[in-house]
Amino acid sequence: MKGKKSLFALGVAGAMIVALTGCSSGTSADTPSGTSADTSSGSSAGSSSGTSGGTSGGTDEHVDLTMTIWGSDVDKKVYTERLALAQKALPNITVKLVQISDNYDTKLQTMIAGGQSPDVIMTAEAVNVLSSKGQLEDLGPALQKRGIDPVATFGEGSVKTYSTSGHLWGVPDRAGAMVLYYNKDLFDKAGVAYPDGTWDWQQFRDAAKKLTVSANGKTTTWGYAAGDWWPWYMTWMYQNGGRILDDNGKPVVNSPENVEALTFYNDMVLKDHSAPSPQDYADAGLKNGQPDPLFAQGKLAMETTGFWNIASLSDATFKWGVAPLWHGKDKAVPAFGSALAVSSQSKHKEAAEDLVAFLTSDEGETPIATSGLDIPSNLKLLKSDTFLKAPWNKGGIDLGAFTDSAESIYSPPLVPEWNQIQKAFTDGMDATWKGQASVADGLSKVQSTLEGIFK
C-alpha cells in the first residue's frame, strides 16, 4: 500500500543495510520506467531446505522473466539479493529486475497496454484494479499445486488483502503490522504500566488520560495521537465489528458499530483532550495525522505507526518500546505490505509462479528480515530468530510486537474504488474531526457518497 505512508522502511533500511553488498551481475542505464538489472535466479528441482513451500520443478528449458518493483536503491539491493538466492533454487530462470521509482501504477499500466507486461508484478493497493481488468493470474491453484497453504503460511488477514471471491491475485511478500510505540520515560513518570497488547478500549483511554500533561491551560504532552488516515480510524471500526462494505460489496459505513467506534475515538480528542486535534497539529506546524514527529520530540506518550518509524528514533533522547495494539470486541490490526503477482500476459506463467513461490518462502524473504528493510510476510520467518534477533537490531527492540500482531491483521476493502473510498471519508468526516459535526452525521455523508459509487 503506497498511500499516505510509504510501505517501506526506507530510513530503516538505509541505516541497516550498510553491510549488504549488491548481488546483481550489472545494472543498465536508467530507462523511462526506472532502472533494470539482469539477475539469474533459481533452485534445482524441488525446494531448498528450510523453505515453507516448494516449487514445481519446472522444465529444463531456459526461461527469461521480467519483474517490476518500486522503492529506493535499498529496496533494489535487497530484491537483487533475494534473486541471487533464487538463482540457486531455479537455475533455468533468468530475471530482469525493473525498478520503477515513481508513478509505478501508471507506468505499469502503460507497459501492460503496450503488450510489454512484466511476468512478476509487485503490487499492493492496486491489486484489484489489476485483477478487475483481467491482468493477473489467480495464484491460489499455483500455491496448492506446490503444496503451500496460503493462510497457514501468511495469515488470513494478509491473504484476504489480495483476494476476491476466493481468488488469490497476489502472494503476500511484505506485511508489516502497525504497532503501538510508547515513550517509556513518560510512562514511568506518570506511573502507568507499559502496554502489552491486553488493554481493552477503556483501559487504553484511561492510560491516555493519565499520560496527558497540561500547563497554563495548554497541553504539553498528549497521551495518544492519530488523525484522519484510514489505518487509524478504520481500526476502531473493525475492532468493534464494523465494516466498510458488506459481503455483497454494499457500503455499510454508517452502521451502529461504526458510529460507536468513531465516537469513542473522536471523544479522546474533543472531550478528553488526550489526543491532538486538527488545530493542535496545525499549531505544531503539522498536518492532521502526523504523530511521528510529535513522538520523536517526546511530546507524545503513544502512537500507532509502522516499522518505518524505527529509523527516525535512532537518535531519540528517551527510552521507548513497541507493543501490540489494544483490542475491542475483536482484535484488528492495520498493516502495510505488498504482494507478488503474475501477469496474465506472461508467456511463462509456470516459471513466474515458481519464482513467486520461492521469493515468498522463508528462505526467499530472509534478506527482508536480515536487512531491516521491512517485515516479512512469511509467518515462519517472522517468528524465527532470523527476524526477532536480526543483526541490525542493535538496540534490542522487542520485535515480538510485530510477530504477535501478524495474525490479527484485518483486510481493508482494496476494491478498484479504494481511492474513492478514502476520499469519501476525507471529505465526509472533515467537519467531524474538527468538532463541527457529529460522528453519525459525518458517516451519513460518507455513506451517501459511497452509495453513489457502489450503485
Protein backbone atom coordinates (compact mmCIF):
# COMPACT_ATOMS: atom_id res chain seq x y z
CA MET A 1 0.00 0.00 0.00
CA LYS A 2 1.73 3.04 -1.24
CA GLY A 3 -0.61 5.62 0.27
CA LYS A 4 -0.06 8.33 2.86
CA LYS A 5 2.80 6.41 4.42
CA SER A 6 5.45 4.61 2.42
CA LEU A 7 5.18 0.87 2.52
CA PHE A 8 8.84 0.62 3.08
CA ALA A 9 11.08 1.47 5.98
CA LEU A 10 13.37 3.42 3.72
CA GLY A 11 15.17 5.15 6.54
CA VAL A 12 15.43 1.91 8.49
CA ALA A 13 16.79 0.11 5.51
CA GLY A 14 19.22 2.89 4.70
CA ALA A 15 20.62 2.69 8.19
CA MET A 16 20.66 -1.06 8.46
CA ILE A 17 21.67 -2.35 5.09
CA VAL A 18 25.15 -0.90 5.01
CA ALA A 19 26.71 -4.31 5.46
CA LEU A 20 24.90 -5.78 2.48
CA THR A 21 26.58 -5.92 -0.89
CA GLY A 22 24.87 -5.89 -4.26
CA CYS A 23 24.48 -9.27 -5.93
CA SER A 24 23.46 -8.23 -9.44
CA SER A 25 25.56 -9.03 -12.43
CA GLY A 26 25.12 -5.47 -13.61
CA THR A 27 22.73 -2.58 -13.82
CA SER A 28 21.70 -0.93 -17.04
CA ALA A 29 21.25 2.78 -17.61
CA ASP A 30 18.01 4.37 -16.50
CA THR A 31 15.00 3.60 -18.66
CA PRO A 32 11.72 5.52 -18.93
CA SER A 33 10.16 3.15 -16.39
CA GLY A 34 13.03 3.01 -13.94
CA THR A 35 16.25 1.04 -13.79
CA SER A 36 16.81 -2.59 -14.61
CA ALA A 37 19.28 -5.29 -13.75
CA ASP A 38 19.63 -8.77 -15.21
CA THR A 39 19.81 -11.33 -12.45
CA SER A 40 19.82 -15.09 -12.87
CA SER A 41 17.68 -16.91 -10.34
CA GLY A 42 16.59 -20.43 -9.38
CA SER A 43 16.78 -23.96 -7.39
CA SER A 44 17.29 -27.36 -8.55
CA ALA A 45 14.19 -29.43 -8.98
CA GLY A 46 12.25 -29.15 -5.74
CA SER A 47 12.52 -26.66 -2.96
CA SER A 48 15.58 -25.76 -0.98
CA SER A 49 15.72 -26.97 2.59
CA GLY A 50 14.23 -24.60 5.10
CA THR A 51 11.61 -23.09 2.78
CA SER A 52 7.97 -23.12 3.75
CA GLY A 53 6.80 -24.19 0.31
CA GLY A 54 8.16 -25.95 -2.73
CA THR A 55 8.45 -25.16 -6.41
CA SER A 56 7.02 -27.27 -9.17
CA GLY A 57 10.44 -28.16 -10.53
CA GLY A 58 9.64 -26.58 -13.90
CA THR A 59 11.26 -27.79 -17.10
CA ASP A 60 14.81 -27.92 -18.41
CA GLU A 61 14.04 -25.11 -20.85
CA HIS A 62 15.70 -21.78 -20.05
CA VAL A 63 13.21 -19.01 -19.34
CA ASP A 64 13.68 -15.23 -19.21
CA LEU A 65 11.36 -13.33 -16.87
CA THR A 66 10.85 -9.66 -16.05
CA MET A 67 9.90 -8.49 -12.55
CA THR A 68 8.87 -4.96 -11.55
CA ILE A 69 9.28 -3.38 -8.12
CA TRP A 70 9.07 0.15 -6.70
CA GLY A 71 11.18 1.70 -3.95
CA SER A 72 14.66 3.05 -3.37
CA ASP A 73 18.16 1.82 -4.13
CA VAL A 74 17.97 -0.04 -0.83
CA ASP A 75 14.90 -1.95 -2.00
CA LYS A 76 16.71 -2.82 -5.19
CA LYS A 77 19.71 -4.18 -3.27
CA VAL A 78 17.51 -6.40 -1.14
CA TYR A 79 15.48 -7.72 -4.06
CA THR A 80 18.66 -8.36 -6.00
CA GLU A 81 19.98 -10.38 -3.08
CA ARG A 82 16.72 -12.34 -2.99
CA LEU A 83 17.01 -13.09 -6.68
CA ALA A 84 20.57 -14.30 -6.11
CA LEU A 85 19.16 -16.81 -3.63
CA ALA A 86 16.55 -17.79 -6.19
CA GLN A 87 19.37 -18.42 -8.67
CA LYS A 88 20.40 -21.40 -6.58
CA ALA A 89 16.81 -22.63 -6.45
CA LEU A 90 15.67 -22.10 -10.05
CA PRO A 91 18.74 -22.38 -12.29
CA ASN A 92 16.74 -22.33 -15.51
CA ILE A 93 15.25 -18.90 -14.87
CA THR A 94 16.86 -15.53 -15.58
CA VAL A 95 15.13 -12.49 -14.11
CA LYS A 96 15.37 -8.92 -15.35
CA LEU A 97 14.58 -6.71 -12.36
CA VAL A 98 12.96 -3.41 -13.34
CA GLN A 99 12.64 -0.76 -10.66
CA ILE A 100 10.01 1.94 -11.16
CA SER A 101 10.72 4.58 -8.57
CA ASP A 102 7.80 6.93 -9.27
CA ASN A 103 4.32 6.75 -10.80
CA TYR A 104 4.56 2.98 -10.50
CA ASP A 105 0.92 2.08 -11.19
CA THR A 106 0.64 4.45 -14.15
CA LYS A 107 3.84 3.20 -15.78
CA LEU A 108 2.87 -0.41 -15.12
CA GLN A 109 -0.45 0.13 -16.92
CA THR A 110 1.43 1.66 -19.84
CA MET A 111 3.61 -1.44 -20.06
CA ILE A 112 0.58 -3.72 -19.93
CA ALA A 113 -1.34 -1.69 -22.52
CA GLY A 114 1.66 -1.90 -24.84
CA GLY A 115 1.84 -5.67 -24.52
CA GLN A 116 5.07 -5.42 -22.51
CA SER A 117 3.77 -6.54 -19.14
CA PRO A 118 6.33 -7.88 -16.66
CA ASP A 119 5.88 -11.51 -15.73
CA VAL A 120 6.03 -10.88 -11.99
CA ILE A 121 4.48 -7.70 -10.58
CA MET A 122 4.96 -6.11 -7.18
CA THR A 123 1.55 -4.80 -6.14
CA ALA A 124 -0.34 -3.51 -3.14
CA GLU A 125 -3.43 -1.27 -3.04
CA ALA A 126 -3.85 -1.54 -6.82
CA VAL A 127 -4.16 -5.33 -6.77
CA ASN A 128 -7.88 -5.32 -7.51
CA VAL A 129 -7.58 -2.59 -10.11
CA LEU A 130 -5.34 -5.04 -11.95
CA SER A 131 -7.44 -8.12 -11.21
CA SER A 132 -10.69 -6.41 -12.24
CA LYS A 133 -9.16 -5.82 -15.67
CA GLY A 134 -8.16 -9.46 -16.06
CA GLN A 135 -4.46 -8.53 -15.81
CA LEU A 136 -3.49 -11.01 -13.08
CA GLU A 137 -3.44 -14.78 -12.69
CA ASP A 138 -5.24 -16.47 -9.80
CA LEU A 139 -2.33 -17.84 -7.76
CA GLY A 140 -4.43 -19.98 -5.41
CA PRO A 141 -4.17 -23.07 -7.64
CA ALA A 142 -0.46 -22.40 -8.19
CA LEU A 143 0.24 -22.44 -4.46
CA GLN A 144 -1.92 -25.50 -3.95
CA LYS A 145 -0.01 -27.31 -6.69
CA ARG A 146 3.23 -26.54 -4.87
CA GLY A 147 1.91 -27.70 -1.51
CA ILE A 148 1.66 -24.20 0.00
CA ASP A 149 -1.28 -23.33 2.27
CA PRO A 150 -1.52 -19.53 1.94
CA VAL A 151 -3.42 -18.89 5.18
CA ALA A 152 -1.10 -21.10 7.23
CA THR A 153 1.94 -19.53 5.56
CA PHE A 154 0.97 -15.83 5.62
CA GLY A 155 -2.06 -15.43 7.88
CA GLU A 156 -5.71 -14.95 6.99
CA GLY A 157 -5.67 -11.15 7.01
CA SER A 158 -2.73 -10.88 4.63
CA VAL A 159 -4.27 -13.40 2.25
CA LYS A 160 -7.67 -11.67 2.28
CA THR A 161 -5.99 -8.38 1.42
CA TYR A 162 -5.03 -9.71 -2.01
CA SER A 163 -8.08 -11.92 -2.62
CA THR A 164 -11.56 -11.53 -4.04
CA SER A 165 -14.27 -14.16 -4.42
CA GLY A 166 -11.91 -16.96 -3.50
CA HIS A 167 -9.22 -15.90 -5.98
CA LEU A 168 -5.73 -15.02 -4.74
CA TRP A 169 -4.34 -12.31 -7.01
CA GLY A 170 -1.07 -11.71 -5.18
CA VAL A 171 1.05 -13.70 -2.74
CA PRO A 172 1.88 -11.65 0.40
CA ASP A 173 5.53 -10.63 0.37
CA ARG A 174 5.87 -7.83 2.93
CA ALA A 175 3.25 -7.46 5.64
CA GLY A 176 4.27 -5.15 8.46
CA ALA A 177 1.62 -4.86 11.14
CA MET A 178 1.29 -1.45 12.74
CA VAL A 179 2.01 -1.48 16.47
CA LEU A 180 1.84 0.81 19.48
CA TYR A 181 5.03 2.82 20.03
CA TYR A 182 5.30 4.18 23.57
CA ASN A 183 7.60 6.52 25.46
CA LYS A 184 8.86 4.59 28.48
CA ASP A 185 10.08 7.72 30.24
CA LEU A 186 6.63 9.31 30.11
CA PHE A 187 5.00 6.09 31.31
CA ASP A 188 7.43 5.85 34.21
CA LYS A 189 6.87 9.47 35.20
CA ALA A 190 3.07 9.02 35.15
CA GLY A 191 3.25 5.69 36.98
CA VAL A 192 1.41 3.86 34.19
CA ALA A 193 2.24 0.25 33.39
CA TYR A 194 3.65 -0.37 29.93
CA PRO A 195 1.17 -1.61 27.30
CA ASP A 196 1.34 -5.31 26.45
CA GLY A 197 -1.48 -5.88 23.97
CA THR A 198 -4.04 -6.86 26.60
CA TRP A 199 -5.71 -3.47 27.09
CA ASP A 200 -9.32 -3.04 26.07
CA TRP A 201 -10.64 0.30 24.81
CA GLN A 202 -11.40 1.75 28.23
CA GLN A 203 -8.02 0.75 29.66
CA PHE A 204 -6.32 2.37 26.69
CA ARG A 205 -8.38 5.55 27.07
CA ASP A 206 -7.71 5.73 30.81
CA ALA A 207 -3.97 5.36 30.22
CA ALA A 208 -4.02 8.11 27.59
CA LYS A 209 -5.73 10.46 30.06
CA LYS A 210 -3.16 9.76 32.78
CA LEU A 211 -0.30 10.33 30.34
CA THR A 212 -1.61 13.72 29.14
CA VAL A 213 0.11 16.73 30.70
CA SER A 214 -1.07 20.34 30.60
CA ALA A 215 0.48 23.56 31.84
CA ASN A 216 -1.14 27.00 31.95
CA GLY A 217 -4.17 25.67 30.10
CA LYS A 218 -2.10 24.27 27.27
CA THR A 219 -1.34 20.61 26.56
CA THR A 220 2.40 19.93 26.54
CA THR A 221 2.26 16.15 26.25
CA TRP A 222 -0.51 14.06 24.75
CA GLY A 223 -1.33 10.52 25.78
CA TYR A 224 -2.04 9.37 22.23
CA ALA A 225 -2.21 10.79 18.72
CA ALA A 226 -3.52 9.72 15.38
CA GLY A 227 -5.57 11.64 12.79
CA ASP A 228 -7.64 11.22 9.65
CA TRP A 229 -5.66 8.43 7.98
CA TRP A 230 -7.59 5.21 7.32
CA PRO A 231 -5.43 2.78 9.38
CA TRP A 232 -6.20 4.83 12.48
CA TYR A 233 -9.94 5.33 12.26
CA MET A 234 -10.82 2.09 10.44
CA THR A 235 -9.03 0.08 13.12
CA TRP A 236 -11.57 1.22 15.71
CA MET A 237 -14.37 0.30 13.33
CA TYR A 238 -13.03 -3.19 12.64
CA GLN A 239 -12.29 -3.77 16.34
CA ASN A 240 -15.96 -3.03 17.05
CA GLY A 241 -17.30 -5.46 14.47
CA GLY A 242 -17.84 -2.74 11.87
CA ARG A 243 -17.21 -2.91 8.15
CA ILE A 244 -16.83 -0.57 5.19
CA LEU A 245 -18.52 -2.85 2.66
CA ASP A 246 -20.72 -5.84 3.41
CA ASP A 247 -20.32 -9.28 1.88
CA ASN A 248 -22.27 -8.13 -1.17
CA GLY A 249 -20.00 -5.14 -1.73
CA LYS A 250 -22.51 -2.59 -0.47
CA PRO A 251 -21.40 0.30 1.79
CA VAL A 252 -22.31 -0.02 5.48
CA VAL A 253 -20.19 2.73 7.00
CA ASN A 254 -23.00 4.37 8.99
CA SER A 255 -23.72 1.23 11.00
CA PRO A 256 -24.25 1.48 14.78
CA GLU A 257 -20.93 -0.34 15.30
CA ASN A 258 -19.03 2.25 13.28
CA VAL A 259 -20.80 5.21 14.88
CA GLU A 260 -19.98 3.87 18.34
CA ALA A 261 -16.35 3.18 17.41
CA LEU A 262 -15.58 6.57 15.91
CA THR A 263 -17.46 8.42 18.63
CA PHE A 264 -15.19 6.76 21.19
CA TYR A 265 -12.15 7.59 19.07
CA ASN A 266 -13.15 11.22 18.48
CA ASP A 267 -14.09 11.77 22.13
CA MET A 268 -10.45 11.20 23.06
CA VAL A 269 -9.69 14.33 21.03
CA LEU A 270 -12.69 16.53 21.70
CA LYS A 271 -13.68 15.57 25.27
CA ASP A 272 -10.62 14.09 26.94
CA HIS A 273 -8.11 16.25 25.08
CA SER A 274 -5.71 13.32 25.43
CA ALA A 275 -5.05 13.33 21.69
CA PRO A 276 -4.25 16.35 19.49
CA SER A 277 -6.99 17.95 17.43
CA PRO A 278 -6.54 19.14 13.83
CA GLN A 279 -5.87 22.61 15.27
CA ASP A 280 -3.26 21.21 17.68
CA TYR A 281 -1.46 19.64 14.74
CA ALA A 282 -1.65 22.92 12.82
CA ASP A 283 -0.24 24.83 15.80
CA ALA A 284 2.70 22.42 15.79
CA GLY A 285 3.24 23.04 12.07
CA LEU A 286 1.96 19.58 11.16
CA LYS A 287 -0.88 18.19 9.09
CA ASN A 288 -3.75 16.41 10.84
CA GLY A 289 -2.36 12.96 11.30
CA GLN A 290 1.40 13.40 11.67
CA PRO A 291 2.10 11.88 15.08
CA ASP A 292 5.57 10.54 14.25
CA PRO A 293 7.31 13.94 14.70
CA LEU A 294 5.47 14.58 17.98
CA PHE A 295 6.58 11.20 19.30
CA ALA A 296 10.19 11.81 18.23
CA GLN A 297 10.09 15.16 20.07
CA GLY A 298 8.99 13.48 23.31
CA LYS A 299 5.60 15.25 23.24
CA LEU A 300 3.59 12.08 22.78
CA ALA A 301 3.27 9.02 25.03
CA MET A 302 1.75 6.63 22.49
CA GLU A 303 1.17 6.39 18.76
CA THR A 304 0.11 3.76 16.27
CA THR A 305 2.61 3.51 13.47
CA GLY A 306 4.66 1.08 11.44
CA PHE A 307 8.09 -0.46 11.16
CA TRP A 308 9.31 2.55 9.19
CA ASN A 309 9.33 4.68 12.34
CA ILE A 310 12.20 2.77 13.95
CA ALA A 311 14.83 4.65 11.95
CA SER A 312 13.51 8.07 12.95
CA LEU A 313 14.04 7.15 16.60
CA SER A 314 17.67 6.10 16.27
CA ASP A 315 18.77 9.32 17.99
CA ALA A 316 15.89 9.56 20.47
CA THR A 317 16.84 11.05 23.82
CA PHE A 318 14.24 8.96 25.67
CA LYS A 319 13.60 5.27 26.21
CA TRP A 320 10.87 3.81 24.06
CA GLY A 321 9.34 0.47 23.16
CA VAL A 322 6.73 -1.19 20.97
CA ALA A 323 3.74 -3.35 21.89
CA PRO A 324 0.75 -4.90 20.12
CA LEU A 325 -2.34 -2.70 19.86
CA TRP A 326 -5.20 -2.71 22.33
CA HIS A 327 -8.33 -4.66 21.39
CA GLY A 328 -12.06 -4.05 21.18
CA LYS A 329 -14.76 -6.68 20.72
CA ASP A 330 -12.36 -8.11 18.16
CA LYS A 331 -8.64 -7.95 17.59
CA ALA A 332 -7.94 -5.95 14.45
CA VAL A 333 -4.56 -4.61 13.38
CA PRO A 334 -3.80 -2.49 10.29
CA ALA A 335 -0.80 -3.39 8.19
CA PHE A 336 1.20 -2.15 5.25
CA GLY A 337 2.82 -4.51 2.83
CA SER A 338 2.99 -5.68 -0.72
CA ALA A 339 2.44 -8.82 -2.74
CA LEU A 340 3.93 -10.52 -5.77
CA ALA A 341 1.56 -11.23 -8.64
CA VAL A 342 1.82 -12.97 -12.00
CA SER A 343 0.67 -11.16 -15.13
CA SER A 344 -2.00 -12.79 -17.26
CA GLN A 345 0.10 -11.65 -20.25
CA SER A 346 3.10 -13.71 -19.15
CA LYS A 347 4.23 -16.30 -21.66
CA HIS A 348 5.95 -18.20 -18.89
CA LYS A 349 3.34 -18.41 -16.14
CA GLU A 350 4.66 -21.68 -14.69
CA ALA A 351 8.15 -20.24 -14.27
CA ALA A 352 6.75 -16.97 -12.89
CA GLU A 353 4.73 -18.94 -10.35
CA ASP A 354 7.86 -20.87 -9.36
CA LEU A 355 9.68 -17.59 -8.80
CA VAL A 356 6.87 -16.12 -6.68
CA ALA A 357 6.64 -19.31 -4.62
CA PHE A 358 10.35 -19.19 -3.86
CA LEU A 359 10.58 -15.46 -3.16
CA THR A 360 7.73 -15.65 -0.64
CA SER A 361 9.16 -18.68 1.15
CA ASP A 362 11.02 -18.16 4.41
CA GLU A 363 14.30 -18.57 2.54
CA GLY A 364 13.31 -16.16 -0.20
CA GLU A 365 12.21 -13.48 2.29
CA THR A 366 15.22 -13.82 4.59
CA PRO A 367 17.02 -10.75 3.14
CA ILE A 368 13.98 -8.65 4.05
CA ALA A 369 14.34 -9.70 7.68
CA THR A 370 18.12 -9.54 8.00
CA SER A 371 18.46 -6.16 6.28
CA GLY A 372 15.81 -4.37 8.31
CA LEU A 373 14.05 -3.34 5.11
CA ASP A 374 10.60 -4.37 6.26
CA ILE A 375 8.53 -7.04 7.97
CA PRO A 376 8.47 -10.37 6.09
CA SER A 377 5.02 -11.80 5.36
CA ASN A 378 6.08 -15.41 5.86
CA LEU A 379 4.96 -16.34 9.38
CA LYS A 380 7.63 -19.00 9.85
CA LEU A 381 10.34 -16.43 9.19
CA LEU A 382 8.54 -13.74 11.18
CA LYS A 383 8.52 -15.98 14.27
CA SER A 384 12.14 -17.07 13.90
CA ASP A 385 15.29 -15.65 15.44
CA THR A 386 16.36 -14.63 11.95
CA PHE A 387 13.89 -11.75 12.30
CA LEU A 388 13.45 -11.46 16.07
CA LYS A 389 17.22 -11.31 16.66
CA ALA A 390 18.24 -9.73 13.36
CA PRO A 391 21.78 -8.30 13.30
CA TRP A 392 20.58 -4.74 12.58
CA ASN A 393 18.59 -4.64 15.86
CA LYS A 394 21.45 -3.33 17.97
CA GLY A 395 19.11 -1.59 20.39
CA GLY A 396 17.28 -4.75 21.37
CA ILE A 397 13.85 -3.61 20.17
CA ASP A 398 11.20 -6.18 21.08
CA LEU A 399 10.24 -7.17 17.55
CA GLY A 400 7.84 -9.72 19.00
CA ALA A 401 5.19 -6.98 18.91
CA PHE A 402 5.19 -7.26 15.11
CA THR A 403 5.17 -11.05 15.28
CA ASP A 404 2.33 -11.18 17.81
CA SER A 405 0.25 -8.82 15.68
CA ALA A 406 0.65 -10.63 12.38
CA GLU A 407 -2.31 -12.98 12.70
CA SER A 408 -4.69 -10.18 13.77
CA ILE A 409 -4.24 -8.15 10.59
CA TYR A 410 -7.52 -7.06 9.04
CA SER A 411 -8.08 -6.56 5.35
CA PRO A 412 -9.43 -3.17 4.23
CA PRO A 413 -11.65 -3.19 1.13
CA LEU A 414 -8.99 -2.89 -1.57
CA VAL A 415 -11.59 -2.83 -4.32
CA PRO A 416 -10.87 -0.87 -7.52
CA GLU A 417 -12.72 2.05 -5.91
CA TRP A 418 -10.40 2.09 -2.87
CA ASN A 419 -9.09 5.60 -3.56
CA GLN A 420 -12.66 6.87 -3.86
CA ILE A 421 -13.49 5.28 -0.51
CA GLN A 422 -10.62 7.11 1.16
CA LYS A 423 -11.63 10.41 -0.42
CA ALA A 424 -15.23 9.92 0.72
CA PHE A 425 -14.01 9.59 4.30
CA THR A 426 -11.65 12.56 4.00
CA ASP A 427 -14.40 14.82 2.67
CA GLY A 428 -17.29 13.45 4.72
CA MET A 429 -15.52 13.33 8.09
CA ASP A 430 -13.58 16.60 7.93
CA ALA A 431 -16.13 18.58 9.95
CA THR A 432 -16.44 15.69 12.42
CA TRP A 433 -12.74 15.60 13.18
CA LYS A 434 -12.90 19.37 13.80
CA GLY A 435 -15.82 19.02 16.21
CA GLN A 436 -18.23 20.77 13.87
CA ALA A 437 -20.46 17.75 13.17
CA SER A 438 -21.35 14.52 14.93
CA VAL A 439 -19.85 11.19 14.00
CA ALA A 440 -23.27 10.00 12.89
CA ASP A 441 -23.64 12.98 10.54
CA GLY A 442 -20.15 12.50 9.14
CA LEU A 443 -20.61 8.80 8.49
CA SER A 444 -24.00 9.50 6.87
CA LYS A 445 -22.23 11.78 4.40
CA VAL A 446 -19.66 9.09 3.69
CA GLN A 447 -22.42 6.51 3.28
CA SER A 448 -24.30 8.71 0.81
CA THR A 449 -21.16 9.27 -1.27
CA LEU A 450 -20.30 5.59 -1.35
CA GLU A 451 -23.85 4.61 -2.29
CA GLY A 452 -23.40 6.81 -5.35
CA ILE A 453 -20.17 4.99 -6.20
CA PHE A 454 -21.37 1.44 -5.49
CA LYS A 455 -24.68 1.54 -7.35
